[in-house]
Amino acid sequence: MRARVIEYRLEGVPDAEPQYRLITNLLDPALAPAAELAALYHRRWKIEEMFDEIKTHLCDGKKVLRSKTPDLVRQEFYALMLTHAATRRLMYEAAQDSEQRPEDLSFVHAVRVLNRRLPEAAAIPP
C-alpha cells in the first residue's frame, strides 16, 4: 500500500508537540492539500476526545442508550450532547473567572464537582 506522510506543526496551540506526522492514503496533494488534511485531522481528534469524555466520564463507561425506539434513542443522545456542552460551558466560565485557559481545566474534575453540587441545586425552589 502506498502512503503519503504529512509533517506539520500546530501553531498557536498551547502544549502542542513540536511536530506531528499524518499518514494518509490520499496521495494527490492537489485533491487533498497537506494543510487542509492537518487541520481536518486536528478537528477530528477534538471530536474523538469529546466522545471519550461522554463515554468514559459522563457515562462511566456504561452503555447508556437504553431506549427501545429510534426517537427515544435520539432523545438520549441529544441529552448527552447537551450535558457535555453545558459542562464545557461551565468550565469555560470557571476558567474566565480564575483567569485560566479552559483547556487547562480537567473535564473529570468538572464532572465530579457537578455530581456533588447538582443535588443542592435541585433542592432550590423554582
N, C-alpha and C. Protein backbone atom coordinates (compact mmCIF):
# COMPACT_ATOMS: atom_id res chain seq x y z
N MET A 1 0.83 -1.17 0.00
CA MET A 1 0.00 0.00 0.00
C MET A 1 0.89 1.24 0.00
N ARG A 2 0.57 2.17 -0.87
CA ARG A 2 1.29 3.43 -0.92
C ARG A 2 0.67 4.39 0.08
N ALA A 3 1.50 5.23 0.66
CA ALA A 3 1.01 6.19 1.64
C ALA A 3 1.77 7.50 1.48
N ARG A 4 1.16 8.52 1.97
CA ARG A 4 1.75 9.86 1.96
C ARG A 4 1.92 10.29 3.42
N VAL A 5 3.10 10.80 3.74
CA VAL A 5 3.37 11.27 5.09
C VAL A 5 3.40 12.80 5.06
N ILE A 6 2.58 13.38 5.92
CA ILE A 6 2.50 14.84 6.01
C ILE A 6 3.04 15.24 7.38
N GLU A 7 4.07 16.06 7.38
CA GLU A 7 4.61 16.58 8.64
C GLU A 7 4.10 18.00 8.81
N TYR A 8 3.63 18.31 10.03
CA TYR A 8 3.09 19.65 10.27
C TYR A 8 3.24 20.03 11.74
N ARG A 9 3.05 21.31 12.00
CA ARG A 9 3.08 21.86 13.36
C ARG A 9 1.74 22.51 13.63
N LEU A 10 1.37 22.55 14.90
CA LEU A 10 0.15 23.25 15.31
C LEU A 10 0.57 24.58 15.92
N GLU A 11 0.58 25.61 15.10
CA GLU A 11 1.00 26.93 15.55
C GLU A 11 -0.09 27.53 16.44
N GLY A 12 0.32 28.14 17.53
CA GLY A 12 -0.62 28.82 18.40
C GLY A 12 -1.45 27.90 19.27
N VAL A 13 -1.12 26.61 19.30
CA VAL A 13 -1.84 25.65 20.14
C VAL A 13 -0.97 25.36 21.36
N PRO A 14 -1.45 25.77 22.55
CA PRO A 14 -0.64 25.52 23.75
C PRO A 14 -0.39 24.02 23.96
N ASP A 15 0.78 23.72 24.44
CA ASP A 15 1.18 22.34 24.76
C ASP A 15 1.23 21.41 23.55
N ALA A 16 1.29 21.97 22.35
CA ALA A 16 1.38 21.13 21.15
C ALA A 16 2.77 20.51 21.06
N GLU A 17 2.83 19.35 20.44
CA GLU A 17 4.11 18.71 20.18
C GLU A 17 4.87 19.56 19.16
N PRO A 18 6.20 19.44 19.11
CA PRO A 18 6.96 20.23 18.13
C PRO A 18 6.59 19.89 16.68
N GLN A 19 6.28 18.62 16.44
CA GLN A 19 5.94 18.21 15.07
C GLN A 19 5.01 17.00 15.12
N TYR A 20 4.08 16.98 14.16
CA TYR A 20 3.16 15.86 14.02
C TYR A 20 3.36 15.24 12.65
N ARG A 21 3.00 13.96 12.54
CA ARG A 21 3.03 13.26 11.25
C ARG A 21 1.67 12.63 11.03
N LEU A 22 1.14 12.89 9.86
CA LEU A 22 -0.14 12.31 9.46
C LEU A 22 0.13 11.41 8.27
N ILE A 23 -0.30 10.17 8.37
CA ILE A 23 -0.12 9.21 7.28
C ILE A 23 -1.47 8.99 6.63
N THR A 24 -1.52 9.15 5.31
CA THR A 24 -2.78 9.05 4.60
C THR A 24 -2.61 8.27 3.31
N ASN A 25 -3.72 7.73 2.82
CA ASN A 25 -3.69 7.09 1.51
C ASN A 25 -4.20 8.05 0.43
N LEU A 26 -4.46 9.30 0.80
CA LEU A 26 -4.82 10.33 -0.17
C LEU A 26 -3.52 10.88 -0.74
N LEU A 27 -3.13 10.38 -1.88
CA LEU A 27 -1.79 10.62 -2.41
C LEU A 27 -1.65 11.92 -3.20
N ASP A 28 -2.73 12.43 -3.75
CA ASP A 28 -2.66 13.61 -4.62
C ASP A 28 -2.76 14.90 -3.81
N PRO A 29 -1.68 15.66 -3.70
CA PRO A 29 -1.71 16.91 -2.94
C PRO A 29 -2.68 17.95 -3.50
N ALA A 30 -2.97 17.86 -4.79
CA ALA A 30 -3.92 18.81 -5.38
C ALA A 30 -5.34 18.53 -4.89
N LEU A 31 -5.67 17.26 -4.71
CA LEU A 31 -7.02 16.90 -4.24
C LEU A 31 -7.13 16.97 -2.72
N ALA A 32 -6.02 16.78 -2.03
CA ALA A 32 -6.02 16.78 -0.57
C ALA A 32 -4.78 17.52 -0.08
N PRO A 33 -4.85 18.86 -0.04
CA PRO A 33 -3.68 19.64 0.38
C PRO A 33 -3.27 19.30 1.82
N ALA A 34 -1.97 19.31 2.06
CA ALA A 34 -1.43 18.93 3.37
C ALA A 34 -2.01 19.78 4.49
N ALA A 35 -2.07 21.09 4.31
CA ALA A 35 -2.57 21.97 5.37
C ALA A 35 -4.02 21.66 5.70
N GLU A 36 -4.80 21.37 4.67
CA GLU A 36 -6.22 21.05 4.89
C GLU A 36 -6.38 19.72 5.64
N LEU A 37 -5.61 18.71 5.25
CA LEU A 37 -5.68 17.42 5.95
C LEU A 37 -5.24 17.55 7.40
N ALA A 38 -4.19 18.32 7.64
CA ALA A 38 -3.72 18.51 9.02
C ALA A 38 -4.78 19.19 9.87
N ALA A 39 -5.42 20.23 9.33
CA ALA A 39 -6.47 20.93 10.07
C ALA A 39 -7.66 20.02 10.33
N LEU A 40 -8.05 19.25 9.32
CA LEU A 40 -9.18 18.33 9.49
C LEU A 40 -8.86 17.24 10.51
N TYR A 41 -7.64 16.74 10.48
CA TYR A 41 -7.26 15.70 11.43
C TYR A 41 -7.31 16.24 12.86
N HIS A 42 -6.81 17.45 13.05
CA HIS A 42 -6.83 18.06 14.38
C HIS A 42 -8.27 18.24 14.86
N ARG A 43 -9.16 18.70 13.98
CA ARG A 43 -10.58 18.84 14.36
C ARG A 43 -11.20 17.49 14.67
N ARG A 44 -10.88 16.49 13.86
CA ARG A 44 -11.42 15.14 14.09
C ARG A 44 -10.96 14.62 15.45
N TRP A 45 -9.71 14.86 15.80
CA TRP A 45 -9.20 14.39 17.08
C TRP A 45 -9.95 15.04 18.23
N LYS A 46 -10.30 16.33 18.10
CA LYS A 46 -11.08 17.01 19.14
C LYS A 46 -12.45 16.35 19.29
N ILE A 47 -13.04 15.92 18.19
CA ILE A 47 -14.33 15.22 18.25
C ILE A 47 -14.17 13.88 18.96
N GLU A 48 -13.09 13.16 18.66
CA GLU A 48 -12.82 11.89 19.34
C GLU A 48 -12.66 12.10 20.85
N GLU A 49 -11.98 13.19 21.22
CA GLU A 49 -11.82 13.50 22.64
C GLU A 49 -13.18 13.75 23.29
N MET A 50 -14.06 14.46 22.58
CA MET A 50 -15.39 14.73 23.11
C MET A 50 -16.16 13.43 23.34
N PHE A 51 -16.12 12.52 22.37
CA PHE A 51 -16.82 11.24 22.54
C PHE A 51 -16.23 10.45 23.70
N ASP A 52 -14.92 10.51 23.88
CA ASP A 52 -14.30 9.83 25.01
C ASP A 52 -14.79 10.43 26.33
N GLU A 53 -14.88 11.75 26.40
CA GLU A 53 -15.37 12.39 27.62
C GLU A 53 -16.79 11.94 27.93
N ILE A 54 -17.61 11.85 26.91
CA ILE A 54 -19.00 11.44 27.12
C ILE A 54 -19.06 9.98 27.56
N LYS A 55 -18.40 9.10 26.79
CA LYS A 55 -18.50 7.66 27.09
C LYS A 55 -17.82 7.29 28.40
N THR A 56 -16.65 7.84 28.65
CA THR A 56 -15.87 7.43 29.80
C THR A 56 -16.25 8.15 31.08
N HIS A 57 -16.51 9.45 30.99
CA HIS A 57 -16.67 10.24 32.20
C HIS A 57 -18.12 10.62 32.51
N LEU A 58 -18.90 10.92 31.49
CA LEU A 58 -20.32 11.21 31.75
C LEU A 58 -21.11 9.93 31.97
N CYS A 59 -20.73 8.88 31.27
CA CYS A 59 -21.50 7.62 31.33
C CYS A 59 -20.79 6.54 32.12
N ASP A 60 -19.65 6.85 32.71
CA ASP A 60 -18.88 5.88 33.49
C ASP A 60 -18.56 4.60 32.71
N GLY A 61 -18.43 4.71 31.41
CA GLY A 61 -18.10 3.55 30.59
C GLY A 61 -19.24 2.57 30.40
N LYS A 62 -20.43 2.93 30.86
CA LYS A 62 -21.58 2.04 30.72
C LYS A 62 -22.33 2.33 29.43
N LYS A 63 -23.04 1.34 28.95
CA LYS A 63 -23.94 1.57 27.82
C LYS A 63 -25.15 2.29 28.37
N VAL A 64 -25.40 3.49 27.86
CA VAL A 64 -26.47 4.28 28.46
C VAL A 64 -27.67 4.50 27.56
N LEU A 65 -27.54 4.20 26.30
CA LEU A 65 -28.69 4.38 25.41
C LEU A 65 -29.58 3.15 25.55
N ARG A 66 -30.50 3.25 26.48
CA ARG A 66 -31.33 2.09 26.82
C ARG A 66 -32.68 2.10 26.12
N SER A 67 -32.99 3.18 25.46
CA SER A 67 -34.32 3.30 24.85
C SER A 67 -34.52 2.26 23.76
N LYS A 68 -35.77 1.97 23.50
CA LYS A 68 -36.12 0.92 22.55
C LYS A 68 -36.60 1.46 21.20
N THR A 69 -36.85 2.76 21.13
CA THR A 69 -37.34 3.32 19.86
C THR A 69 -36.33 4.34 19.34
N PRO A 70 -36.28 4.53 18.03
CA PRO A 70 -35.33 5.50 17.46
C PRO A 70 -35.50 6.91 18.03
N ASP A 71 -36.74 7.35 18.21
CA ASP A 71 -36.96 8.70 18.74
C ASP A 71 -36.39 8.86 20.15
N LEU A 72 -36.58 7.86 20.98
CA LEU A 72 -36.07 7.95 22.35
C LEU A 72 -34.55 7.78 22.41
N VAL A 73 -33.98 7.00 21.50
CA VAL A 73 -32.52 6.90 21.43
C VAL A 73 -31.95 8.26 21.04
N ARG A 74 -32.57 8.92 20.06
CA ARG A 74 -32.13 10.26 19.67
C ARG A 74 -32.23 11.22 20.85
N GLN A 75 -33.33 11.12 21.59
CA GLN A 75 -33.51 11.99 22.75
C GLN A 75 -32.39 11.78 23.77
N GLU A 76 -32.04 10.55 24.05
CA GLU A 76 -30.94 10.26 24.99
C GLU A 76 -29.61 10.80 24.45
N PHE A 77 -29.38 10.60 23.16
CA PHE A 77 -28.15 11.08 22.54
C PHE A 77 -28.06 12.60 22.66
N TYR A 78 -29.14 13.30 22.33
CA TYR A 78 -29.14 14.76 22.43
C TYR A 78 -28.95 15.21 23.88
N ALA A 79 -29.52 14.49 24.83
CA ALA A 79 -29.34 14.84 26.24
C ALA A 79 -27.86 14.72 26.63
N LEU A 80 -27.19 13.69 26.14
CA LEU A 80 -25.75 13.54 26.43
C LEU A 80 -24.95 14.67 25.79
N MET A 81 -25.29 15.03 24.56
CA MET A 81 -24.59 16.13 23.89
C MET A 81 -24.78 17.44 24.65
N LEU A 82 -26.02 17.69 25.08
CA LEU A 82 -26.31 18.92 25.83
C LEU A 82 -25.60 18.93 27.18
N THR A 83 -25.56 17.78 27.84
CA THR A 83 -24.87 17.69 29.12
C THR A 83 -23.38 17.97 28.95
N HIS A 84 -22.80 17.42 27.90
CA HIS A 84 -21.39 17.68 27.62
C HIS A 84 -21.17 19.16 27.33
N ALA A 85 -22.02 19.74 26.49
CA ALA A 85 -21.87 21.16 26.15
C ALA A 85 -22.03 22.04 27.38
N ALA A 86 -23.00 21.73 28.23
CA ALA A 86 -23.21 22.52 29.45
C ALA A 86 -22.01 22.41 30.39
N THR A 87 -21.45 21.21 30.50
CA THR A 87 -20.27 21.02 31.35
C THR A 87 -19.10 21.83 30.81
N ARG A 88 -18.88 21.76 29.52
CA ARG A 88 -17.79 22.52 28.90
C ARG A 88 -18.02 24.03 29.05
N ARG A 89 -19.27 24.47 28.95
CA ARG A 89 -19.59 25.90 29.12
C ARG A 89 -19.26 26.34 30.55
N LEU A 90 -19.65 25.54 31.53
CA LEU A 90 -19.33 25.87 32.92
C LEU A 90 -17.82 25.90 33.14
N MET A 91 -17.11 25.00 32.49
CA MET A 91 -15.65 25.00 32.59
C MET A 91 -15.08 26.29 31.99
N TYR A 92 -15.65 26.72 30.87
CA TYR A 92 -15.21 27.95 30.23
C TYR A 92 -15.41 29.13 31.17
N GLU A 93 -16.60 29.20 31.79
CA GLU A 93 -16.89 30.30 32.71
C GLU A 93 -15.97 30.25 33.93
N ALA A 94 -15.71 29.07 34.45
CA ALA A 94 -14.80 28.93 35.59
C ALA A 94 -13.39 29.38 35.21
N ALA A 95 -12.97 29.05 34.01
CA ALA A 95 -11.64 29.46 33.55
C ALA A 95 -11.57 30.98 33.43
N GLN A 96 -12.62 31.60 32.90
CA GLN A 96 -12.64 33.05 32.79
C GLN A 96 -12.57 33.71 34.16
N ASP A 97 -13.34 33.17 35.11
CA ASP A 97 -13.36 33.73 36.46
C ASP A 97 -12.01 33.63 37.15
N SER A 98 -11.27 32.58 36.85
CA SER A 98 -9.97 32.37 37.51
C SER A 98 -8.79 32.75 36.61
N GLU A 99 -9.09 33.40 35.49
CA GLU A 99 -8.06 33.84 34.54
C GLU A 99 -7.15 32.69 34.09
N GLN A 100 -7.79 31.56 33.77
CA GLN A 100 -7.08 30.40 33.24
C GLN A 100 -7.60 30.11 31.83
N ARG A 101 -6.90 29.23 31.16
CA ARG A 101 -7.38 28.75 29.86
C ARG A 101 -8.32 27.57 30.10
N PRO A 102 -9.45 27.51 29.39
CA PRO A 102 -10.38 26.38 29.58
C PRO A 102 -9.72 25.02 29.38
N GLU A 103 -8.79 24.92 28.45
CA GLU A 103 -8.15 23.63 28.19
C GLU A 103 -7.23 23.19 29.33
N ASP A 104 -6.93 24.10 30.26
CA ASP A 104 -6.12 23.73 31.42
C ASP A 104 -6.95 23.11 32.54
N LEU A 105 -8.27 23.18 32.43
CA LEU A 105 -9.15 22.61 33.45
C LEU A 105 -9.45 21.15 33.12
N SER A 106 -9.70 20.37 34.14
CA SER A 106 -9.95 18.93 33.98
C SER A 106 -11.44 18.66 33.80
N PHE A 107 -11.78 17.97 32.71
CA PHE A 107 -13.18 17.59 32.49
C PHE A 107 -13.63 16.63 33.59
N VAL A 108 -12.77 15.71 33.98
CA VAL A 108 -13.10 14.75 35.04
C VAL A 108 -13.43 15.48 36.34
N HIS A 109 -12.62 16.46 36.69
CA HIS A 109 -12.87 17.22 37.91
C HIS A 109 -14.19 17.99 37.80
N ALA A 110 -14.45 18.57 36.64
CA ALA A 110 -15.71 19.31 36.44
C ALA A 110 -16.91 18.40 36.63
N VAL A 111 -16.85 17.18 36.09
CA VAL A 111 -17.96 16.23 36.25
C VAL A 111 -18.13 15.88 37.73
N ARG A 112 -17.03 15.68 38.43
CA ARG A 112 -17.12 15.36 39.86
C ARG A 112 -17.76 16.50 40.65
N VAL A 113 -17.36 17.72 40.34
CA VAL A 113 -17.95 18.89 41.02
C VAL A 113 -19.44 18.96 40.73
N LEU A 114 -19.82 18.79 39.48
CA LEU A 114 -21.24 18.84 39.13
C LEU A 114 -22.03 17.73 39.81
N ASN A 115 -21.49 16.53 39.85
CA ASN A 115 -22.18 15.43 40.53
C ASN A 115 -22.38 15.72 42.01
N ARG A 116 -21.42 16.42 42.59
CA ARG A 116 -21.51 16.76 44.01
C ARG A 116 -22.49 17.91 44.25
N ARG A 117 -22.54 18.88 43.32
CA ARG A 117 -23.32 20.10 43.53
C ARG A 117 -24.73 20.06 42.97
N LEU A 118 -25.00 19.23 41.99
CA LEU A 118 -26.34 19.21 41.37
C LEU A 118 -27.45 18.86 42.35
N PRO A 119 -27.27 17.93 43.28
CA PRO A 119 -28.35 17.68 44.24
C PRO A 119 -28.71 18.93 45.05
N GLU A 120 -27.73 19.76 45.35
CA GLU A 120 -28.00 21.01 46.06
C GLU A 120 -28.85 21.94 45.19
N ALA A 121 -28.52 22.03 43.92
CA ALA A 121 -29.26 22.90 43.01
C ALA A 121 -30.69 22.42 42.84
N ALA A 122 -30.89 21.12 42.85
CA ALA A 122 -32.24 20.57 42.69
C ALA A 122 -33.13 20.91 43.88
N ALA A 123 -32.52 21.16 45.03
CA ALA A 123 -33.29 21.47 46.24
C ALA A 123 -33.76 22.93 46.27
N ILE A 124 -33.25 23.77 45.37
CA ILE A 124 -33.66 25.18 45.34
C ILE A 124 -35.03 25.27 44.68
N PRO A 125 -36.01 25.91 45.36
CA PRO A 125 -37.34 26.01 44.75
C PRO A 125 -37.30 26.92 43.51
N PRO A 126 -38.19 26.66 42.56
CA PRO A 126 -38.20 27.47 41.33
C PRO A 126 -38.60 28.91 41.58
